[in-house]
Amino acid sequence: MVIAEIGCNHKGEINIAKQLLKVASESGVEVAKFQKRNNKELLTEKQYNDPHPNPIHSYGDTYGEHREYLEFDINQHKELKTHTESLGIIYSSSVWDTTSAKEIISLNPQLIKVPSACNNHFEMLKVLRDDYLGEVHISFGMTTKEEEEQIVSFFEENNQAKRLVLYSCISGYPVPFEDICMLEIVRIKEKFQNRVKSIGFSGHHLGIAVDVAAYTLGAEWIERHFTLDRTWKGTDHSASLEPTGLRKLSRDLKATHKSLNYKQSDILDIEKVQRDKLKFRRK
């Protein structure tokens, strides 16, 4: 399953969001995902009123104004969910705070994502655990092994951990290959596979060279940021795939999925002609 993480790469414009959805659906992905924040709940007053740390990427005079500019309200998310489903793919959103979690739950999506930045927000996790019936996908970027255990155990308290999908993730933008730490997929799978629904990989690297490896190591979900133009203003664009990359990623993962099987007979039908023609025979 491939998730095209649109996030805030729509630049605050719903028409661009719909363009991204159209391209994502044409690329063969299964899920398109946005983000939902209540910025005054999420940020301190100082964070809200300070300037953006990277002004060239800011859509407002303060970081709060920047975030508000990029934010869709719940009615716009409802519109995007309807549009996403009309294209034959699954709508989802990351949620960053308790209010946003409750709002997205009201849309009853198939899955909701918890980003690495707030996987220790247990008030929000409690809402997702107790008031939502779909899959809860959680990234483990910038998370200690002790915190990982606390998160899974929290869902196990109510026998809800079998709805979890856990993602190996490194929280950098972009992440150099030597820091992707792909074998974390194996570690997370070995520790949690019998306790949760499945394992995923959320990548912030460049290109698509390692995503197939993530799948073969055991990640059943592959999530990548996606944009129409990596040069657009905004901090996520540079670590995102453009349409060609997303299409190739989906193509390569599907090809790999088809190939991961055993021979159904010693000699396959495709081999028989070659065997008759080429196989050594003792005279």
C-alpha atoms as a PDB file:
ATOM      1  CA  MET A   1       0.000   0.000   0.000  1.00  0.00           C
ATOM      2  CA  VAL A   2       1.440   3.340  -1.072  1.00  0.00           C
ATOM      3  CA  ILE A   3       0.470   6.587   0.662  1.00  0.00           C
ATOM      4  CA  ALA A   4       1.000   9.856  -1.222  1.00  0.00           C
ATOM      5  CA  GLU A   5       1.576  12.340   1.592  1.00  0.00           C
ATOM      6  CA  ILE A   6       0.291  15.647   0.251  1.00  0.00           C
ATOM      7  CA  GLY A   7       0.478  17.234   3.685  1.00  0.00           C
ATOM      8  CA  CYS A   8       0.617  20.999   3.185  1.00  0.00           C
ATOM      9  CA  ASN A   9       2.161  20.886  -0.276  1.00  0.00           C
ATOM     10  CA  HIS A  10      -1.097  22.323  -1.647  1.00  0.00           C
ATOM     11  CA  LYS A  11       0.130  25.799  -0.583  1.00  0.00           C
ATOM     12  CA  GLY A  12      -3.213  26.495   1.081  1.00  0.00           C
ATOM     13  CA  GLU A  13      -5.134  26.287  -2.206  1.00  0.00           C
ATOM     14  CA  ILE A  14      -7.858  23.673  -2.499  1.00  0.00           C
ATOM     15  CA  ASN A  15      -7.649  23.614  -6.303  1.00  0.00           C
ATOM     16  CA  ILE A  16      -3.975  22.646  -6.071  1.00  0.00           C
ATOM     17  CA  ALA A  17      -4.961  19.997  -3.505  1.00  0.00           C
ATOM     18  CA  LYS A  18      -7.404  18.542  -6.033  1.00  0.00           C
ATOM     19  CA  GLN A  19      -4.724  18.614  -8.749  1.00  0.00           C
ATOM     20  CA  LEU A  20      -2.440  16.668  -6.419  1.00  0.00           C
ATOM     21  CA  LEU A  21      -5.215  14.150  -5.782  1.00  0.00           C
ATOM     22  CA  LYS A  22      -5.788  13.663  -9.511  1.00  0.00           C
ATOM     23  CA  VAL A  23      -2.087  13.053 -10.158  1.00  0.00           C
ATOM     24  CA  ALA A  24      -1.854  10.725  -7.150  1.00  0.00           C
ATOM     25  CA  SER A  25      -4.781   8.643  -8.370  1.00  0.00           C
ATOM     26  CA  GLU A  26      -3.255   8.420 -11.848  1.00  0.00           C
ATOM     27  CA  SER A  27       0.044   7.291 -10.315  1.00  0.00           C
ATOM     28  CA  GLY A  28      -1.488   4.112  -8.909  1.00  0.00           C
ATOM     29  CA  VAL A  29      -1.228   4.846  -5.186  1.00  0.00           C
ATOM     30  CA  GLU A  30      -3.827   3.551  -2.761  1.00  0.00           C
ATOM     31  CA  VAL A  31      -4.026   6.466  -0.303  1.00  0.00           C
ATOM     32  CA  ALA A  32      -3.687  10.257  -0.413  1.00  0.00           C
ATOM     33  CA  LYS A  33      -3.058  11.971   2.905  1.00  0.00           C
ATOM     34  CA  PHE A  34      -3.338  15.536   4.181  1.00  0.00           C
ATOM     35  CA  GLN A  35      -2.621  17.122   7.584  1.00  0.00           C
ATOM     36  CA  LYS A  36      -4.893  18.762  10.166  1.00  0.00           C
ATOM     37  CA  ARG A  37      -3.723  21.174  12.854  1.00  0.00           C
ATOM     38  CA  ASN A  38      -5.387  23.464  15.368  1.00  0.00           C
ATOM     39  CA  ASN A  39      -2.480  25.854  15.446  1.00  0.00           C
ATOM     40  CA  LYS A  40      -3.420  27.831  18.558  1.00  0.00           C
ATOM     41  CA  GLU A  41      -3.812  24.574  20.460  1.00  0.00           C
ATOM     42  CA  LEU A  42      -0.642  23.050  19.069  1.00  0.00           C
ATOM     43  CA  LEU A  43       1.712  26.038  19.356  1.00  0.00           C
ATOM     44  CA  THR A  44       2.698  28.133  22.354  1.00  0.00           C
ATOM     45  CA  GLU A  45       1.891  31.839  22.125  1.00  0.00           C
ATOM     46  CA  LYS A  46       5.553  32.554  21.521  1.00  0.00           C
ATOM     47  CA  GLN A  47       5.831  29.935  18.744  1.00  0.00           C
ATOM     48  CA  TYR A  48       2.672  31.310  17.151  1.00  0.00           C
ATOM     49  CA  ASN A  49       3.879  34.914  17.153  1.00  0.00           C
ATOM     50  CA  ASP A  50       7.549  34.362  16.309  1.00  0.00           C
ATOM     51  CA  PRO A  51       8.667  34.679  12.683  1.00  0.00           C
ATOM     52  CA  HIS A  52       9.056  31.541  10.591  1.00  0.00           C
ATOM     53  CA  PRO A  53      12.543  30.090  11.184  1.00  0.00           C
ATOM     54  CA  ASN A  54      13.085  29.989   7.430  1.00  0.00           C
ATOM     55  CA  PRO A  55      11.384  33.185   6.134  1.00  0.00           C
ATOM     56  CA  ILE A  56      11.894  32.341   2.455  1.00  0.00           C
ATOM     57  CA  HIS A  57       9.352  29.523   2.906  1.00  0.00           C
ATOM     58  CA  SER A  58       6.841  31.479   5.003  1.00  0.00           C
ATOM     59  CA  TYR A  59       3.268  32.287   3.950  1.00  0.00           C
ATOM     60  CA  GLY A  60       2.808  34.848   6.752  1.00  0.00           C
ATOM     61  CA  ASP A  61       4.593  37.390   8.909  1.00  0.00           C
ATOM     62  CA  THR A  62       4.630  34.981  11.865  1.00  0.00           C
ATOM     63  CA  TYR A  63       4.887  31.220  12.109  1.00  0.00           C
ATOM     64  CA  GLY A  64       1.269  31.115  13.296  1.00  0.00           C
ATOM     65  CA  GLU A  65       0.067  33.120  10.298  1.00  0.00           C
ATOM     66  CA  HIS A  66       2.106  30.824   8.048  1.00  0.00           C
ATOM     67  CA  ARG A  67       0.473  27.716   9.501  1.00  0.00           C
ATOM     68  CA  GLU A  68      -3.022  29.212   9.356  1.00  0.00           C
ATOM     69  CA  TYR A  69      -2.537  30.106   5.690  1.00  0.00           C
ATOM     70  CA  LEU A  70      -1.792  26.454   4.902  1.00  0.00           C
ATOM     71  CA  GLU A  71      -4.642  25.045   7.000  1.00  0.00           C
ATOM     72  CA  PHE A  72      -7.874  23.640   5.550  1.00  0.00           C
ATOM     73  CA  ASP A  73     -10.936  23.702   7.811  1.00  0.00           C
ATOM     74  CA  ILE A  74     -12.979  20.581   8.463  1.00  0.00           C
ATOM     75  CA  ASN A  75     -15.515  21.395   5.733  1.00  0.00           C
ATOM     76  CA  GLN A  76     -12.698  21.633   3.205  1.00  0.00           C
ATOM     77  CA  HIS A  77     -11.374  18.283   4.446  1.00  0.00           C
ATOM     78  CA  LYS A  78     -14.848  16.830   3.984  1.00  0.00           C
ATOM     79  CA  GLU A  79     -14.844  18.157   0.420  1.00  0.00           C
ATOM     80  CA  LEU A  80     -11.388  16.675  -0.187  1.00  0.00           C
ATOM     81  CA  LYS A  81     -12.471  13.309   1.226  1.00  0.00           C
ATOM     82  CA  THR A  82     -15.412  13.191  -1.174  1.00  0.00           C
ATOM     83  CA  HIS A  83     -13.183  14.201  -4.069  1.00  0.00           C
ATOM     84  CA  THR A  84     -10.507  11.654  -3.125  1.00  0.00           C
ATOM     85  CA  GLU A  85     -13.015   8.825  -2.991  1.00  0.00           C
ATOM     86  CA  SER A  86     -14.511   9.876  -6.342  1.00  0.00           C
ATOM     87  CA  LEU A  87     -11.055   9.238  -7.821  1.00  0.00           C
ATOM     88  CA  GLY A  88     -11.026   5.687  -6.459  1.00  0.00           C
ATOM     89  CA  ILE A  89      -8.427   6.134  -3.726  1.00  0.00           C
ATOM     90  CA  ILE A  90      -8.548   6.397   0.070  1.00  0.00           C
ATOM     91  CA  TYR A  91      -8.570   9.738   1.908  1.00  0.00           C
ATOM     92  CA  SER A  92      -6.592  10.162   5.100  1.00  0.00           C
ATOM     93  CA  SER A  93      -5.090  12.872   7.257  1.00  0.00           C
ATOM     94  CA  SER A  94      -2.424  13.215   9.900  1.00  0.00           C
ATOM     95  CA  VAL A  95      -3.640  14.850  13.111  1.00  0.00           C
ATOM     96  CA  TRP A  96      -1.419  16.964  15.350  1.00  0.00           C
ATOM     97  CA  ASP A  97      -3.651  17.765  18.336  1.00  0.00           C
ATOM     98  CA  THR A  98      -6.761  16.612  20.163  1.00  0.00           C
ATOM     99  CA  THR A  99      -9.170  19.004  18.439  1.00  0.00           C
ATOM    100  CA  SER A 100      -7.921  17.994  14.999  1.00  0.00           C
ATOM    101  CA  ALA A 101      -8.208  14.310  15.914  1.00  0.00           C
ATOM    102  CA  LYS A 102     -11.856  14.778  16.898  1.00  0.00           C
ATOM    103  CA  GLU A 103     -12.583  16.721  13.715  1.00  0.00           C
ATOM    104  CA  ILE A 104     -11.023  14.132  11.401  1.00  0.00           C
ATOM    105  CA  ILE A 105     -12.712  11.281  13.290  1.00  0.00           C
ATOM    106  CA  SER A 106     -16.036  12.963  12.451  1.00  0.00           C
ATOM    107  CA  LEU A 107     -15.291  12.242   8.769  1.00  0.00           C
ATOM    108  CA  ASN A 108     -14.844   8.524   9.564  1.00  0.00           C
ATOM    109  CA  PRO A 109     -11.822   7.896   7.325  1.00  0.00           C
ATOM    110  CA  GLN A 110     -10.411   4.390   6.957  1.00  0.00           C
ATOM    111  CA  LEU A 111      -7.140   5.420   8.587  1.00  0.00           C
ATOM    112  CA  ILE A 112      -5.709   8.338  10.558  1.00  0.00           C
ATOM    113  CA  LYS A 113      -1.985   9.059  10.887  1.00  0.00           C
ATOM    114  CA  VAL A 114      -0.105  10.240  13.961  1.00  0.00           C
ATOM    115  CA  PRO A 115       3.128  12.011  12.958  1.00  0.00           C
ATOM    116  CA  SER A 116       6.386  11.428  14.801  1.00  0.00           C
ATOM    117  CA  ALA A 117       6.205  14.897  16.340  1.00  0.00           C
ATOM    118  CA  CYS A 118       3.184  14.075  18.473  1.00  0.00           C
ATOM    119  CA  ASN A 119       3.198  10.302  18.972  1.00  0.00           C
ATOM    120  CA  ASN A 120       3.705  11.055  22.690  1.00  0.00           C
ATOM    121  CA  HIS A 121       0.556  13.232  22.846  1.00  0.00           C
ATOM    122  CA  PHE A 122      -1.386  10.718  24.928  1.00  0.00           C
ATOM    123  CA  GLU A 123      -4.473  12.896  25.299  1.00  0.00           C
ATOM    124  CA  MET A 124      -4.790  12.794  21.511  1.00  0.00           C
ATOM    125  CA  LEU A 125      -3.869   9.101  21.354  1.00  0.00           C
ATOM    126  CA  LYS A 126      -6.638   8.364  23.860  1.00  0.00           C
ATOM    127  CA  VAL A 127      -9.198   9.965  21.545  1.00  0.00           C
ATOM    128  CA  LEU A 128      -7.928   7.885  18.622  1.00  0.00           C
ATOM    129  CA  ARG A 129      -7.914   4.752  20.770  1.00  0.00           C
ATOM    130  CA  ASP A 130     -11.307   5.168  22.429  1.00  0.00           C
ATOM    131  CA  ASP A 131     -13.434   7.199  20.003  1.00  0.00           C
ATOM    132  CA  TYR A 132     -12.343   5.938  16.585  1.00  0.00           C
ATOM    133  CA  LEU A 133     -12.718   2.528  14.964  1.00  0.00           C
ATOM    134  CA  GLY A 134     -10.359   2.750  11.977  1.00  0.00           C
ATOM    135  CA  GLU A 135      -6.660   2.072  11.634  1.00  0.00           C
ATOM    136  CA  VAL A 136      -4.259   4.295  13.577  1.00  0.00           C
ATOM    137  CA  HIS A 137      -0.932   4.719  11.783  1.00  0.00           C
ATOM    138  CA  ILE A 138       1.952   5.982  13.936  1.00  0.00           C
ATOM    139  CA  SER A 139       5.420   7.099  12.844  1.00  0.00           C
ATOM    140  CA  PHE A 140       8.380   6.326  15.124  1.00  0.00           C
ATOM    141  CA  GLY A 141      10.685   9.156  14.049  1.00  0.00           C
ATOM    142  CA  MET A 142      12.659  10.845  16.875  1.00  0.00           C
ATOM    143  CA  THR A 143      11.235   8.264  19.297  1.00  0.00           C
ATOM    144  CA  THR A 144      13.093   6.198  21.896  1.00  0.00           C
ATOM    145  CA  LYS A 145      12.574   2.447  22.227  1.00  0.00           C
ATOM    146  CA  GLU A 146      11.011   3.069  25.640  1.00  0.00           C
ATOM    147  CA  GLU A 147       8.548   5.527  24.090  1.00  0.00           C
ATOM    148  CA  GLU A 148       7.695   3.015  21.336  1.00  0.00           C
ATOM    149  CA  GLU A 149       6.782   0.463  23.998  1.00  0.00           C
ATOM    150  CA  GLN A 150       4.690   3.019  25.904  1.00  0.00           C
ATOM    151  CA  ILE A 151       2.696   3.853  22.763  1.00  0.00           C
ATOM    152  CA  VAL A 152       1.886   0.247  21.878  1.00  0.00           C
ATOM    153  CA  SER A 153       1.159  -0.667  25.497  1.00  0.00           C
ATOM    154  CA  PHE A 154      -1.241   2.293  25.740  1.00  0.00           C
ATOM    155  CA  PHE A 155      -3.357   0.836  22.918  1.00  0.00           C
ATOM    156  CA  GLU A 156      -3.060  -2.669  24.383  1.00  0.00           C
ATOM    157  CA  GLU A 157      -4.683  -1.439  27.620  1.00  0.00           C
ATOM    158  CA  ASN A 158      -8.024  -1.455  25.762  1.00  0.00           C
ATOM    159  CA  ASN A 159      -7.174  -4.292  23.368  1.00  0.00           C
ATOM    160  CA  GLN A 160      -6.880  -1.800  20.500  1.00  0.00           C
ATOM    161  CA  ALA A 161      -3.278  -2.402  19.369  1.00  0.00           C
ATOM    162  CA  LYS A 162      -4.363  -4.642  16.494  1.00  0.00           C
ATOM    163  CA  ARG A 163      -5.540  -1.446  14.758  1.00  0.00           C
ATOM    164  CA  LEU A 164      -2.023   0.001  14.795  1.00  0.00           C
ATOM    165  CA  VAL A 165       0.356   0.348  11.859  1.00  0.00           C
ATOM    166  CA  LEU A 166       3.854   1.339  13.028  1.00  0.00           C
ATOM    167  CA  TYR A 167       6.239   3.171  10.723  1.00  0.00           C
ATOM    168  CA  SER A 168      10.000   3.173  10.710  1.00  0.00           C
ATOM    169  CA  CYS A 169      10.866   6.822  10.111  1.00  0.00           C
ATOM    170  CA  ILE A 170      13.766   9.249  10.418  1.00  0.00           C
ATOM    171  CA  SER A 171      12.650  12.837  10.985  1.00  0.00           C
ATOM    172  CA  GLY A 172      14.892  14.818   8.664  1.00  0.00           C
ATOM    173  CA  TYR A 173      14.098  16.772   5.478  1.00  0.00           C
ATOM    174  CA  PRO A 174      15.672  15.348   3.421  1.00  0.00           C
ATOM    175  CA  VAL A 175      17.399  12.364   5.067  1.00  0.00           C
ATOM    176  CA  PRO A 176      20.763  11.242   3.590  1.00  0.00           C
ATOM    177  CA  PHE A 177      20.899   7.549   2.737  1.00  0.00           C
ATOM    178  CA  GLU A 178      23.305   6.656   5.547  1.00  0.00           C
ATOM    179  CA  ASP A 179      20.771   8.001   8.084  1.00  0.00           C
ATOM    180  CA  ILE A 180      17.698   6.164   6.764  1.00  0.00           C
ATOM    181  CA  CYS A 181      18.588   3.144   8.935  1.00  0.00           C
ATOM    182  CA  MET A 182      16.494   0.703   6.933  1.00  0.00           C
ATOM    183  CA  LEU A 183      17.126  -2.202   9.294  1.00  0.00           C
ATOM    184  CA  GLU A 184      14.969  -0.423  11.865  1.00  0.00           C
ATOM    185  CA  ILE A 185      12.085  -1.896   9.851  1.00  0.00           C
ATOM    186  CA  VAL A 186      13.321  -5.370  10.789  1.00  0.00           C
ATOM    187  CA  ARG A 187      13.761  -4.418  14.444  1.00  0.00           C
ATOM    188  CA  ILE A 188      10.288  -2.890  14.732  1.00  0.00           C
ATOM    189  CA  LYS A 189       8.742  -5.857  12.939  1.00  0.00           C
ATOM    190  CA  GLU A 190      10.489  -8.411  15.151  1.00  0.00           C
ATOM    191  CA  LYS A 191       9.405  -6.596  18.315  1.00  0.00           C
ATOM    192  CA  PHE A 192       5.844  -5.636  17.462  1.00  0.00           C
ATOM    193  CA  GLN A 193       4.532  -7.725  14.542  1.00  0.00           C
ATOM    194  CA  ASN A 194       2.506 -10.035  16.802  1.00  0.00           C
ATOM    195  CA  ARG A 195       1.073  -7.101  18.749  1.00  0.00           C
ATOM    196  CA  VAL A 196      -0.032  -4.715  15.982  1.00  0.00           C
ATOM    197  CA  LYS A 197      -1.695  -4.912  12.567  1.00  0.00           C
ATOM    198  CA  SER A 198       1.311  -4.233  10.350  1.00  0.00           C
ATOM    199  CA  ILE A 199       4.543  -2.316   9.785  1.00  0.00           C
ATOM    200  CA  GLY A 200       5.244   0.602   7.439  1.00  0.00           C
ATOM    201  CA  PHE A 201       8.035   2.869   6.232  1.00  0.00           C
ATOM    202  CA  SER A 202       7.745   6.667   6.034  1.00  0.00           C
ATOM    203  CA  GLY A 203      10.604   8.053   3.976  1.00  0.00           C
ATOM    204  CA  HIS A 204      11.933  11.594   3.693  1.00  0.00           C
ATOM    205  CA  HIS A 205      14.874  10.708   1.460  1.00  0.00           C
ATOM    206  CA  LEU A 206      15.580  11.652  -2.134  1.00  0.00           C
ATOM    207  CA  GLY A 207      14.641   9.366  -5.022  1.00  0.00           C
ATOM    208  CA  ILE A 208      13.029   5.934  -4.850  1.00  0.00           C
ATOM    209  CA  ALA A 209      16.053   3.633  -4.646  1.00  0.00           C
ATOM    210  CA  VAL A 210      15.411   2.327  -1.125  1.00  0.00           C
ATOM    211  CA  ASP A 211      11.615   2.043  -1.009  1.00  0.00           C
ATOM    212  CA  VAL A 212      11.557  -1.374  -2.661  1.00  0.00           C
ATOM    213  CA  ALA A 213      14.099  -2.509  -0.077  1.00  0.00           C
ATOM    214  CA  ALA A 214      11.779  -1.230   2.656  1.00  0.00           C
ATOM    215  CA  TYR A 215       8.992  -3.378   1.263  1.00  0.00           C
ATOM    216  CA  THR A 216      11.149  -6.486   1.003  1.00  0.00           C
ATOM    217  CA  LEU A 217      12.334  -5.949   4.601  1.00  0.00           C
ATOM    218  CA  GLY A 218       8.739  -6.152   5.783  1.00  0.00           C
ATOM    219  CA  ALA A 219       7.104  -2.727   5.399  1.00  0.00           C
ATOM    220  CA  GLU A 220       3.594  -3.299   4.052  1.00  0.00           C
ATOM    221  CA  TRP A 221       2.878   0.441   3.856  1.00  0.00           C
ATOM    222  CA  ILE A 222       5.160   2.909   2.063  1.00  0.00           C
ATOM    223  CA  GLU A 223       4.546   6.619   2.677  1.00  0.00           C
ATOM    224  CA  ARG A 224       6.262   9.367   0.677  1.00  0.00           C
ATOM    225  CA  HIS A 225       5.734  13.131   0.531  1.00  0.00           C
ATOM    226  CA  PHE A 226       4.428  14.257  -2.850  1.00  0.00           C
ATOM    227  CA  THR A 227       4.324  17.593  -4.689  1.00  0.00           C
ATOM    228  CA  LEU A 228       3.741  18.932  -8.172  1.00  0.00           C
ATOM    229  CA  ASP A 229       6.974  20.955  -8.111  1.00  0.00           C
ATOM    230  CA  ARG A 230       9.914  20.486  -5.736  1.00  0.00           C
ATOM    231  CA  THR A 231      10.957  24.138  -6.233  1.00  0.00           C
ATOM    232  CA  TRP A 232       7.720  25.560  -4.778  1.00  0.00           C
ATOM    233  CA  LYS A 233       7.841  27.631  -1.582  1.00  0.00           C
ATOM    234  CA  GLY A 234       7.510  25.489   1.521  1.00  0.00           C
ATOM    235  CA  THR A 235       9.839  23.313   3.565  1.00  0.00           C
ATOM    236  CA  ASP A 236       8.394  19.920   2.567  1.00  0.00           C
ATOM    237  CA  HIS A 237       8.666  20.257  -1.212  1.00  0.00           C
ATOM    238  CA  SER A 238      12.409  19.563  -1.410  1.00  0.00           C
ATOM    239  CA  ALA A 239      11.975  16.183   0.326  1.00  0.00           C
ATOM    240  CA  SER A 240       8.958  15.225  -1.806  1.00  0.00           C
ATOM    241  CA  LEU A 241       8.513  13.175  -4.948  1.00  0.00           C
ATOM    242  CA  GLU A 242       7.241  14.849  -8.096  1.00  0.00           C
ATOM    243  CA  PRO A 243       4.603  13.083 -10.258  1.00  0.00           C
ATOM    244  CA  THR A 244       7.103  11.052 -12.283  1.00  0.00           C
ATOM    245  CA  GLY A 245       8.805   9.799  -9.145  1.00  0.00           C
ATOM    246  CA  LEU A 246       5.518   8.866  -7.478  1.00  0.00           C
ATOM    247  CA  ARG A 247       4.389   6.998 -10.583  1.00  0.00           C
ATOM    248  CA  LYS A 248       7.669   5.073 -10.799  1.00  0.00           C
ATOM    249  CA  LEU A 249       7.560   4.279  -7.095  1.00  0.00           C
ATOM    250  CA  SER A 250       4.078   2.814  -7.359  1.00  0.00           C
ATOM    251  CA  ARG A 251       5.054   0.897 -10.517  1.00  0.00           C
ATOM    252  CA  ASP A 252       8.211  -0.569  -8.973  1.00  0.00           C
ATOM    253  CA  LEU A 253       6.511  -1.608  -5.742  1.00  0.00           C
ATOM    254  CA  LYS A 254       3.703  -3.339  -7.620  1.00  0.00           C
ATOM    255  CA  ALA A 255       6.250  -5.162  -9.808  1.00  0.00           C
ATOM    256  CA  THR A 256       8.148  -6.259  -6.711  1.00  0.00           C
ATOM    257  CA  HIS A 257       4.936  -7.418  -5.061  1.00  0.00           C
ATOM    258  CA  LYS A 258       4.137  -9.600  -8.075  1.00  0.00           C
ATOM    259  CA  SER A 259       7.636 -11.089  -8.069  1.00  0.00           C
ATOM    260  CA  LEU A 260       7.790 -12.112  -4.395  1.00  0.00           C
ATOM    261  CA  ASN A 261       6.541 -15.671  -4.670  1.00  0.00           C
ATOM    262  CA  TYR A 262       7.780 -19.265  -4.932  1.00  0.00           C
ATOM    263  CA  LYS A 263       7.795 -21.419  -8.019  1.00  0.00           C
ATOM    264  CA  GLN A 264       4.547 -23.368  -8.289  1.00  0.00           C
ATOM    265  CA  SER A 265       6.314 -26.220 -10.061  1.00  0.00           C
ATOM    266  CA  ASP A 266       9.912 -27.264 -10.667  1.00  0.00           C
ATOM    267  CA  ILE A 267       9.667 -26.158 -14.281  1.00  0.00           C
ATOM    268  CA  LEU A 268       7.421 -23.198 -15.023  1.00  0.00           C
ATOM    269  CA  ASP A 269       5.529 -22.992 -18.301  1.00  0.00           C
ATOM    270  CA  ILE A 270       7.712 -20.051 -19.326  1.00  0.00           C
ATOM    271  CA  GLU A 271      10.797 -22.295 -18.867  1.00  0.00           C
ATOM    272  CA  LYS A 272       9.586 -25.351 -20.772  1.00  0.00           C
ATOM    273  CA  VAL A 273      10.446 -24.121 -24.265  1.00  0.00           C
ATOM    274  CA  GLN A 274      13.881 -23.017 -23.090  1.00  0.00           C
ATOM    275  CA  ARG A 275      14.451 -26.300 -21.277  1.00  0.00           C
ATOM    276  CA  ASP A 276      13.628 -28.303 -24.405  1.00  0.00           C
ATOM    277  CA  LYS A 277      15.906 -26.051 -26.445  1.00  0.00           C
ATOM    278  CA  LEU A 278      18.841 -25.379 -24.127  1.00  0.00           C
ATOM    279  CA  LYS A 279      19.037 -27.901 -21.279  1.00  0.00           C
ATOM    280  CA  PHE A 280      22.114 -30.111 -21.429  1.00  0.00           C
ATOM    281  CA  ARG A 281      21.335 -33.702 -22.270  1.00  0.00           C
ATOM    282  CA  ARG A 282      23.794 -36.505 -21.812  1.00  0.00           C
ATOM    283  CA  LYS A 283      24.413 -38.240 -25.126  1.00  0.00           C
END
